[in-house]
Amino acid sequence: MNPARVRRDRLARLEDLPNIGPAMTRDLNLLGIKTPSDLIGRDAYAMYQELSVRTGRRQDPCVLDVFLSVVRFMNGEPAQPWWAFTEERKRTI
């Protein structure tokens, strides 16, 4: 969902989260994440590595940006577009 449209009081499905659509929902489901609350306390970097292992291929680095955006959002930060995390990712890996 577009980060500007996200409402914290309406987070029933993964697609209610910022930057999450059907494809990212499938990726999160592969990691055992079924609801937004499953993201609380998760490590976005570990999620990215696990997804690469489970799919047998290196994921696009932007997937990590999306994971950072939703984990941070579920841990209380404001909703932001996924590309707001690109610089952090580039500095970190």
PDB file of N, CA and C in Angstrom:
ATOM      1  N   MET A   1       0.835  -1.171   0.000  1.00  0.00           N
ATOM      2  CA  MET A   1       0.000   0.000   0.000  1.00  0.00           C
ATOM      3  C   MET A   1       0.889   1.246   0.000  1.00  0.00           C
ATOM      4  N   ASN A   2       0.385   2.279  -0.590  1.00  0.00           N
ATOM      5  CA  ASN A   2       1.077   3.564  -0.601  1.00  0.00           C
ATOM      6  C   ASN A   2       1.241   4.035   0.846  1.00  0.00           C
ATOM      7  N   PRO A   3       2.468   4.390   1.265  1.00  0.00           N
ATOM      8  CA  PRO A   3       2.683   4.801   2.651  1.00  0.00           C
ATOM      9  C   PRO A   3       1.784   5.946   3.118  1.00  0.00           C
ATOM     10  N   ALA A   4       1.408   6.826   2.222  1.00  0.00           N
ATOM     11  CA  ALA A   4       0.559   7.957   2.603  1.00  0.00           C
ATOM     12  C   ALA A   4      -0.864   7.516   2.959  1.00  0.00           C
ATOM     13  N   ARG A   5      -1.251   6.322   2.556  1.00  0.00           N
ATOM     14  CA  ARG A   5      -2.618   5.838   2.805  1.00  0.00           C
ATOM     15  C   ARG A   5      -2.723   4.858   3.972  1.00  0.00           C
ATOM     16  N   VAL A   6      -1.610   4.503   4.550  1.00  0.00           N
ATOM     17  CA  VAL A   6      -1.608   3.512   5.630  1.00  0.00           C
ATOM     18  C   VAL A   6      -2.251   4.093   6.884  1.00  0.00           C
ATOM     19  N   ARG A   7      -3.060   3.266   7.522  1.00  0.00           N
ATOM     20  CA  ARG A   7      -3.688   3.648   8.793  1.00  0.00           C
ATOM     21  C   ARG A   7      -3.339   2.593   9.831  1.00  0.00           C
ATOM     22  N   ARG A   8      -2.730   3.018  10.903  1.00  0.00           N
ATOM     23  CA  ARG A   8      -2.347   2.075  11.956  1.00  0.00           C
ATOM     24  C   ARG A   8      -3.548   1.367  12.567  1.00  0.00           C
ATOM     25  N   ASP A   9      -4.710   1.982  12.526  1.00  0.00           N
ATOM     26  CA  ASP A   9      -5.893   1.357  13.104  1.00  0.00           C
ATOM     27  C   ASP A   9      -6.541   0.350  12.152  1.00  0.00           C
ATOM     28  N   ARG A  10      -5.961   0.169  10.986  1.00  0.00           N
ATOM     29  CA  ARG A  10      -6.479  -0.794  10.006  1.00  0.00           C
ATOM     30  C   ARG A  10      -5.340  -1.613   9.418  1.00  0.00           C
ATOM     31  N   LEU A  11      -4.839  -2.521  10.204  1.00  0.00           N
ATOM     32  CA  LEU A  11      -3.725  -3.363   9.777  1.00  0.00           C
ATOM     33  C   LEU A  11      -4.094  -4.839   9.917  1.00  0.00           C
ATOM     34  N   ALA A  12      -5.111  -5.252   9.227  1.00  0.00           N
ATOM     35  CA  ALA A  12      -5.568  -6.635   9.318  1.00  0.00           C
ATOM     36  C   ALA A  12      -4.766  -7.573   8.420  1.00  0.00           C
ATOM     37  N   ARG A  13      -4.345  -7.077   7.265  1.00  0.00           N
ATOM     38  CA  ARG A  13      -3.653  -7.908   6.269  1.00  0.00           C
ATOM     39  C   ARG A  13      -2.273  -7.328   5.991  1.00  0.00           C
ATOM     40  N   LEU A  14      -1.400  -8.152   5.465  1.00  0.00           N
ATOM     41  CA  LEU A  14      -0.067  -7.667   5.097  1.00  0.00           C
ATOM     42  C   LEU A  14      -0.158  -6.556   4.068  1.00  0.00           C
ATOM     43  N   GLU A  15      -1.117  -6.641   3.159  1.00  0.00           N
ATOM     44  CA  GLU A  15      -1.251  -5.616   2.128  1.00  0.00           C
ATOM     45  C   GLU A  15      -1.754  -4.282   2.676  1.00  0.00           C
ATOM     46  N   ASP A  16      -2.090  -4.237   3.947  1.00  0.00           N
ATOM     47  CA  ASP A  16      -2.444  -2.972   4.591  1.00  0.00           C
ATOM     48  C   ASP A  16      -1.201  -2.194   5.013  1.00  0.00           C
ATOM     49  N   LEU A  17      -0.048  -2.828   4.933  1.00  0.00           N
ATOM     50  CA  LEU A  17       1.225  -2.207   5.320  1.00  0.00           C
ATOM     51  C   LEU A  17       1.778  -1.337   4.192  1.00  0.00           C
ATOM     52  N   PRO A  18       2.636  -0.384   4.548  1.00  0.00           N
ATOM     53  CA  PRO A  18       3.261   0.432   3.501  1.00  0.00           C
ATOM     54  C   PRO A  18       4.145  -0.431   2.599  1.00  0.00           C
ATOM     55  N   ASN A  19       4.069  -0.177   1.316  1.00  0.00           N
ATOM     56  CA  ASN A  19       4.948  -0.799   0.305  1.00  0.00           C
ATOM     57  C   ASN A  19       4.676  -2.278   0.042  1.00  0.00           C
ATOM     58  N   ILE A  20       3.599  -2.822   0.557  1.00  0.00           N
ATOM     59  CA  ILE A  20       3.324  -4.247   0.392  1.00  0.00           C
ATOM     60  C   ILE A  20       2.162  -4.460  -0.569  1.00  0.00           C
ATOM     61  N   GLY A  21       2.442  -5.261  -1.591  1.00  0.00           N
ATOM     62  CA  GLY A  21       1.424  -5.673  -2.552  1.00  0.00           C
ATOM     63  C   GLY A  21       1.398  -7.191  -2.593  1.00  0.00           C
ATOM     64  N   PRO A  22       0.758  -7.755  -3.595  1.00  0.00           N
ATOM     65  CA  PRO A  22       0.638  -9.216  -3.673  1.00  0.00           C
ATOM     66  C   PRO A  22       1.981  -9.957  -3.725  1.00  0.00           C
ATOM     67  N   ALA A  23       2.936  -9.476  -4.502  1.00  0.00           N
ATOM     68  CA  ALA A  23       4.223 -10.181  -4.621  1.00  0.00           C
ATOM     69  C   ALA A  23       4.984 -10.177  -3.297  1.00  0.00           C
ATOM     70  N   MET A  24       5.015  -9.052  -2.622  1.00  0.00           N
ATOM     71  CA  MET A  24       5.711  -8.994  -1.328  1.00  0.00           C
ATOM     72  C   MET A  24       4.962  -9.795  -0.272  1.00  0.00           C
ATOM     73  N   THR A  25       3.653  -9.847  -0.385  1.00  0.00           N
ATOM     74  CA  THR A  25       2.880 -10.679   0.546  1.00  0.00           C
ATOM     75  C   THR A  25       3.306 -12.137   0.396  1.00  0.00           C
ATOM     76  N   ARG A  26       3.462 -12.600  -0.834  1.00  0.00           N
ATOM     77  CA  ARG A  26       3.916 -13.985  -1.061  1.00  0.00           C
ATOM     78  C   ARG A  26       5.301 -14.201  -0.461  1.00  0.00           C
ATOM     79  N   ASP A  27       6.203 -13.243  -0.642  1.00  0.00           N
ATOM     80  CA  ASP A  27       7.547 -13.378  -0.072  1.00  0.00           C
ATOM     81  C   ASP A  27       7.488 -13.440   1.451  1.00  0.00           C
ATOM     82  N   LEU A  28       6.698 -12.583   2.058  1.00  0.00           N
ATOM     83  CA  LEU A  28       6.569 -12.597   3.516  1.00  0.00           C
ATOM     84  C   LEU A  28       5.955 -13.913   3.992  1.00  0.00           C
ATOM     85  N   ASN A  29       4.984 -14.421   3.252  1.00  0.00           N
ATOM     86  CA  ASN A  29       4.375 -15.709   3.605  1.00  0.00           C
ATOM     87  C   ASN A  29       5.401 -16.829   3.570  1.00  0.00           C
ATOM     88  N   LEU A  30       6.348 -16.791   2.605  1.00  0.00           N
ATOM     89  CA  LEU A  30       7.418 -17.796   2.553  1.00  0.00           C
ATOM     90  C   LEU A  30       8.254 -17.795   3.825  1.00  0.00           C
ATOM     91  N   LEU A  31       8.301 -16.655   4.494  1.00  0.00           N
ATOM     92  CA  LEU A  31       9.068 -16.521   5.730  1.00  0.00           C
ATOM     93  C   LEU A  31       8.221 -16.825   6.966  1.00  0.00           C
ATOM     94  N   GLY A  32       6.989 -17.241   6.744  1.00  0.00           N
ATOM     95  CA  GLY A  32       6.113 -17.560   7.864  1.00  0.00           C
ATOM     96  C   GLY A  32       5.394 -16.354   8.445  1.00  0.00           C
ATOM     97  N   ILE A  33       5.480 -15.241   7.764  1.00  0.00           N
ATOM     98  CA  ILE A  33       4.835 -14.013   8.224  1.00  0.00           C
ATOM     99  C   ILE A  33       3.468 -13.945   7.566  1.00  0.00           C
ATOM    100  N   LYS A  34       2.430 -13.993   8.387  1.00  0.00           N
ATOM    101  CA  LYS A  34       1.057 -14.034   7.881  1.00  0.00           C
ATOM    102  C   LYS A  34       0.257 -12.784   8.221  1.00  0.00           C
ATOM    103  N   THR A  35       0.644 -12.083   9.278  1.00  0.00           N
ATOM    104  CA  THR A  35      -0.075 -10.887   9.716  1.00  0.00           C
ATOM    105  C   THR A  35       0.928  -9.769   9.990  1.00  0.00           C
ATOM    106  N   PRO A  36       0.486  -8.535   9.960  1.00  0.00           N
ATOM    107  CA  PRO A  36       1.406  -7.427  10.255  1.00  0.00           C
ATOM    108  C   PRO A  36       2.112  -7.575  11.604  1.00  0.00           C
ATOM    109  N   SER A  37       1.407  -8.060  12.608  1.00  0.00           N
ATOM    110  CA  SER A  37       2.034  -8.172  13.933  1.00  0.00           C
ATOM    111  C   SER A  37       3.175  -9.188  13.961  1.00  0.00           C
ATOM    112  N   ASP A  38       3.225 -10.104  12.998  1.00  0.00           N
ATOM    113  CA  ASP A  38       4.334 -11.063  12.916  1.00  0.00           C
ATOM    114  C   ASP A  38       5.665 -10.371  12.633  1.00  0.00           C
ATOM    115  N   LEU A  39       5.626  -9.127  12.198  1.00  0.00           N
ATOM    116  CA  LEU A  39       6.856  -8.386  11.870  1.00  0.00           C
ATOM    117  C   LEU A  39       7.485  -7.703  13.079  1.00  0.00           C
ATOM    118  N   ILE A  40       6.746  -7.584  14.148  1.00  0.00           N
ATOM    119  CA  ILE A  40       7.252  -6.882  15.329  1.00  0.00           C
ATOM    120  C   ILE A  40       8.465  -7.626  15.878  1.00  0.00           C
ATOM    121  N   GLY A  41       9.550  -6.887  16.029  1.00  0.00           N
ATOM    122  CA  GLY A  41      10.779  -7.444  16.572  1.00  0.00           C
ATOM    123  C   GLY A  41      11.625  -8.239  15.589  1.00  0.00           C
ATOM    124  N   ARG A  42      11.204  -8.335  14.346  1.00  0.00           N
ATOM    125  CA  ARG A  42      11.972  -9.087  13.353  1.00  0.00           C
ATOM    126  C   ARG A  42      13.182  -8.286  12.877  1.00  0.00           C
ATOM    127  N   ASP A  43      14.151  -8.981  12.315  1.00  0.00           N
ATOM    128  CA  ASP A  43      15.361  -8.390  11.757  1.00  0.00           C
ATOM    129  C   ASP A  43      15.230  -8.418  10.233  1.00  0.00           C
ATOM    130  N   ALA A  44      15.092  -7.249   9.627  1.00  0.00           N
ATOM    131  CA  ALA A  44      14.885  -7.160   8.176  1.00  0.00           C
ATOM    132  C   ALA A  44      16.056  -7.767   7.404  1.00  0.00           C
ATOM    133  N   TYR A  45      17.272  -7.605   7.904  1.00  0.00           N
ATOM    134  CA  TYR A  45      18.441  -8.150   7.213  1.00  0.00           C
ATOM    135  C   TYR A  45      18.418  -9.678   7.232  1.00  0.00           C
ATOM    136  N   ALA A  46      18.049 -10.259   8.366  1.00  0.00           N
ATOM    137  CA  ALA A  46      17.939 -11.712   8.476  1.00  0.00           C
ATOM    138  C   ALA A  46      16.797 -12.225   7.591  1.00  0.00           C
ATOM    139  N   MET A  47      15.703 -11.481   7.530  1.00  0.00           N
ATOM    140  CA  MET A  47      14.583 -11.864   6.665  1.00  0.00           C
ATOM    141  C   MET A  47      15.025 -11.912   5.209  1.00  0.00           C
ATOM    142  N   TYR A  48      15.790 -10.919   4.790  1.00  0.00           N
ATOM    143  CA  TYR A  48      16.280 -10.859   3.411  1.00  0.00           C
ATOM    144  C   TYR A  48      17.161 -12.075   3.095  1.00  0.00           C
ATOM    145  N   GLN A  49      18.076 -12.396   4.012  1.00  0.00           N
ATOM    146  CA  GLN A  49      18.949 -13.557   3.805  1.00  0.00           C
ATOM    147  C   GLN A  49      18.141 -14.850   3.763  1.00  0.00           C
ATOM    148  N   GLU A  50      17.179 -14.976   4.673  1.00  0.00           N
ATOM    149  CA  GLU A  50      16.348 -16.183   4.718  1.00  0.00           C
ATOM    150  C   GLU A  50      15.529 -16.340   3.435  1.00  0.00           C
ATOM    151  N   LEU A  51      15.002 -15.249   2.917  1.00  0.00           N
ATOM    152  CA  LEU A  51      14.230 -15.330   1.677  1.00  0.00           C
ATOM    153  C   LEU A  51      15.112 -15.797   0.523  1.00  0.00           C
ATOM    154  N   SER A  52      16.336 -15.309   0.474  1.00  0.00           N
ATOM    155  CA  SER A  52      17.266 -15.747  -0.576  1.00  0.00           C
ATOM    156  C   SER A  52      17.538 -17.243  -0.471  1.00  0.00           C
ATOM    157  N   VAL A  53      17.702 -17.725   0.743  1.00  0.00           N
ATOM    158  CA  VAL A  53      17.937 -19.164   0.952  1.00  0.00           C
ATOM    159  C   VAL A  53      16.706 -19.967   0.550  1.00  0.00           C
ATOM    160  N   ARG A  54      15.555 -19.532   1.001  1.00  0.00           N
ATOM    161  CA  ARG A  54      14.313 -20.287   0.720  1.00  0.00           C
ATOM    162  C   ARG A  54      13.965 -20.316  -0.768  1.00  0.00           C
ATOM    163  N   THR A  55      14.277 -19.250  -1.489  1.00  0.00           N
ATOM    164  CA  THR A  55      13.962 -19.220  -2.920  1.00  0.00           C
ATOM    165  C   THR A  55      15.098 -19.768  -3.776  1.00  0.00           C
ATOM    166  N   GLY A  56      16.274 -19.932  -3.195  1.00  0.00           N
ATOM    167  CA  GLY A  56      17.411 -20.451  -3.943  1.00  0.00           C
ATOM    168  C   GLY A  56      18.051 -19.440  -4.867  1.00  0.00           C
ATOM    169  N   ARG A  57      17.740 -18.148  -4.632  1.00  0.00           N
ATOM    170  CA  ARG A  57      18.371 -17.110  -5.455  1.00  0.00           C
ATOM    171  C   ARG A  57      18.473 -15.813  -4.656  1.00  0.00           C
ATOM    172  N   ARG A  58      19.492 -15.042  -5.011  1.00  0.00           N
ATOM    173  CA  ARG A  58      19.691 -13.749  -4.367  1.00  0.00           C
ATOM    174  C   ARG A  58      18.543 -12.825  -4.754  1.00  0.00           C
ATOM    175  N   GLN A  59      17.952 -12.204  -3.779  1.00  0.00           N
ATOM    176  CA  GLN A  59      16.839 -11.296  -4.020  1.00  0.00           C
ATOM    177  C   GLN A  59      17.346  -9.918  -4.437  1.00  0.00           C
ATOM    178  N   ASP A  60      16.529  -9.204  -5.154  1.00  0.00           N
ATOM    179  CA  ASP A  60      16.837  -7.815  -5.497  1.00  0.00           C
ATOM    180  C   ASP A  60      17.058  -7.054  -4.190  1.00  0.00           C
ATOM    181  N   PRO A  61      18.075  -6.211  -4.108  1.00  0.00           N
ATOM    182  CA  PRO A  61      18.332  -5.462  -2.871  1.00  0.00           C
ATOM    183  C   PRO A  61      17.162  -4.580  -2.438  1.00  0.00           C
ATOM    184  N   CYS A  62      16.317  -4.186  -3.358  1.00  0.00           N
ATOM    185  CA  CYS A  62      15.153  -3.367  -2.991  1.00  0.00           C
ATOM    186  C   CYS A  62      14.187  -4.131  -2.095  1.00  0.00           C
ATOM    187  N   VAL A  63      14.232  -5.458  -2.154  1.00  0.00           N
ATOM    188  CA  VAL A  63      13.404  -6.262  -1.251  1.00  0.00           C
ATOM    189  C   VAL A  63      13.810  -5.967   0.189  1.00  0.00           C
ATOM    190  N   LEU A  64      15.095  -5.835   0.419  1.00  0.00           N
ATOM    191  CA  LEU A  64      15.573  -5.485   1.760  1.00  0.00           C
ATOM    192  C   LEU A  64      15.043  -4.117   2.176  1.00  0.00           C
ATOM    193  N   ASP A  65      15.023  -3.173   1.262  1.00  0.00           N
ATOM    194  CA  ASP A  65      14.480  -1.843   1.572  1.00  0.00           C
ATOM    195  C   ASP A  65      13.020  -1.954   2.021  1.00  0.00           C
ATOM    196  N   VAL A  66      12.258  -2.784   1.333  1.00  0.00           N
ATOM    197  CA  VAL A  66      10.849  -2.972   1.699  1.00  0.00           C
ATOM    198  C   VAL A  66      10.756  -3.634   3.077  1.00  0.00           C
ATOM    199  N   PHE A  67      11.562  -4.652   3.310  1.00  0.00           N
ATOM    200  CA  PHE A  67      11.551  -5.298   4.620  1.00  0.00           C
ATOM    201  C   PHE A  67      11.889  -4.302   5.723  1.00  0.00           C
ATOM    202  N   LEU A  68      12.897  -3.465   5.490  1.00  0.00           N
ATOM    203  CA  LEU A  68      13.239  -2.444   6.482  1.00  0.00           C
ATOM    204  C   LEU A  68      12.047  -1.522   6.738  1.00  0.00           C
ATOM    205  N   SER A  69      11.365  -1.132   5.673  1.00  0.00           N
ATOM    206  CA  SER A  69      10.243  -0.199   5.827  1.00  0.00           C
ATOM    207  C   SER A  69       9.125  -0.791   6.673  1.00  0.00           C
ATOM    208  N   VAL A  70       8.786  -2.049   6.458  1.00  0.00           N
ATOM    209  CA  VAL A  70       7.655  -2.626   7.192  1.00  0.00           C
ATOM    210  C   VAL A  70       8.024  -3.030   8.615  1.00  0.00           C
ATOM    211  N   VAL A  71       9.236  -3.513   8.816  1.00  0.00           N
ATOM    212  CA  VAL A  71       9.659  -3.853  10.174  1.00  0.00           C
ATOM    213  C   VAL A  71       9.718  -2.590  11.026  1.00  0.00           C
ATOM    214  N   ARG A  72      10.310  -1.556  10.485  1.00  0.00           N
ATOM    215  CA  ARG A  72      10.399  -0.296  11.236  1.00  0.00           C
ATOM    216  C   ARG A  72       9.008   0.274  11.515  1.00  0.00           C
ATOM    217  N   PHE A  73       8.120   0.205  10.515  1.00  0.00           N
ATOM    218  CA  PHE A  73       6.760   0.697  10.703  1.00  0.00           C
ATOM    219  C   PHE A  73       6.065  -0.070  11.824  1.00  0.00           C
ATOM    220  N   MET A  74       6.177  -1.376  11.814  1.00  0.00           N
ATOM    221  CA  MET A  74       5.507  -2.175  12.841  1.00  0.00           C
ATOM    222  C   MET A  74       6.146  -2.010  14.211  1.00  0.00           C
ATOM    223  N   ASN A  75       7.348  -1.472  14.254  1.00  0.00           N
ATOM    224  CA  ASN A  75       7.993  -1.183  15.530  1.00  0.00           C
ATOM    225  C   ASN A  75       7.821   0.276  15.936  1.00  0.00           C
ATOM    226  N   GLY A  76       6.893   0.978  15.269  1.00  0.00           N
ATOM    227  CA  GLY A  76       6.495   2.307  15.714  1.00  0.00           C
ATOM    228  C   GLY A  76       6.947   3.499  14.902  1.00  0.00           C
ATOM    229  N   GLU A  77       7.792   3.281  13.906  1.00  0.00           N
ATOM    230  CA  GLU A  77       8.237   4.409  13.092  1.00  0.00           C
ATOM    231  C   GLU A  77       7.149   4.807  12.093  1.00  0.00           C
ATOM    232  N   PRO A  78       7.217   6.029  11.564  1.00  0.00           N
ATOM    233  CA  PRO A  78       6.213   6.443  10.580  1.00  0.00           C
ATOM    234  C   PRO A  78       6.341   5.654   9.275  1.00  0.00           C
ATOM    235  N   ALA A  79       5.235   5.566   8.558  1.00  0.00           N
ATOM    236  CA  ALA A  79       5.237   4.917   7.242  1.00  0.00           C
ATOM    237  C   ALA A  79       6.078   5.755   6.290  1.00  0.00           C
ATOM    238  N   GLN A  80       6.961   5.064   5.558  1.00  0.00           N
ATOM    239  CA  GLN A  80       7.819   5.740   4.584  1.00  0.00           C
ATOM    240  C   GLN A  80       7.872   4.905   3.311  1.00  0.00           C
ATOM    241  N   PRO A  81       8.159   5.546   2.182  1.00  0.00           N
ATOM    242  CA  PRO A  81       8.345   4.761   0.957  1.00  0.00           C
ATOM    243  C   PRO A  81       9.596   3.885   1.105  1.00  0.00           C
ATOM    244  N   TRP A  82       9.597   2.762   0.422  1.00  0.00           N
ATOM    245  CA  TRP A  82      10.716   1.817   0.560  1.00  0.00           C
ATOM    246  C   TRP A  82      12.054   2.454   0.221  1.00  0.00           C
ATOM    247  N   TRP A  83      12.068   3.378  -0.733  1.00  0.00           N
ATOM    248  CA  TRP A  83      13.348   3.961  -1.165  1.00  0.00           C
ATOM    249  C   TRP A  83      13.953   4.877  -0.107  1.00  0.00           C
ATOM    250  N   ALA A  84      13.224   5.191   0.928  1.00  0.00           N
ATOM    251  CA  ALA A  84      13.790   5.967   2.031  1.00  0.00           C
ATOM    252  C   ALA A  84      14.845   5.160   2.795  1.00  0.00           C
ATOM    253  N   PHE A  85      14.900   3.856   2.564  1.00  0.00           N
ATOM    254  CA  PHE A  85      15.832   2.976   3.263  1.00  0.00           C
ATOM    255  C   PHE A  85      17.012   2.541   2.390  1.00  0.00           C
ATOM    256  N   THR A  86      17.038   2.991   1.147  1.00  0.00           N
ATOM    257  CA  THR A  86      18.091   2.576   0.220  1.00  0.00           C
ATOM    258  C   THR A  86      19.473   2.989   0.693  1.00  0.00           C
ATOM    259  N   GLU A  87      19.622   4.217   1.133  1.00  0.00           N
ATOM    260  CA  GLU A  87      20.944   4.680   1.584  1.00  0.00           C
ATOM    261  C   GLU A  87      21.433   3.881   2.783  1.00  0.00           C
ATOM    262  N   GLU A  88      20.540   3.599   3.727  1.00  0.00           N
ATOM    263  CA  GLU A  88      20.925   2.779   4.885  1.00  0.00           C
ATOM    264  C   GLU A  88      21.414   1.409   4.426  1.00  0.00           C
ATOM    265  N   ARG A  89      20.652   0.792   3.523  1.00  0.00           N
ATOM    266  CA  ARG A  89      21.042  -0.519   3.017  1.00  0.00           C
ATOM    267  C   ARG A  89      22.414  -0.466   2.355  1.00  0.00           C
ATOM    268  N   LYS A  90      22.641   0.530   1.550  1.00  0.00           N
ATOM    269  CA  LYS A  90      23.921   0.649   0.846  1.00  0.00           C
ATOM    270  C   LYS A  90      25.073   0.858   1.812  1.00  0.00           C
ATOM    271  N   ARG A  91      24.833   1.576   2.888  1.00  0.00           N
ATOM    272  CA  ARG A  91      25.879   1.767   3.898  1.00  0.00           C
ATOM    273  C   ARG A  91      26.148   0.495   4.689  1.00  0.00           C
ATOM    274  N   THR A  92      25.110  -0.318   4.858  1.00  0.00           N
ATOM    275  CA  THR A  92      25.201  -1.474   5.737  1.00  0.00           C
ATOM    276  C   THR A  92      25.751  -2.719   5.038  1.00  0.00           C
ATOM    277  N   ILE A  93      25.359  -2.928   3.772  1.00  0.00           N
ATOM    278  CA  ILE A  93      25.847  -4.141   3.089  1.00  0.00           C
ATOM    279  C   ILE A  93      26.676  -3.807   1.879  1.00  0.00           C
TER     280      ILE A  93
END
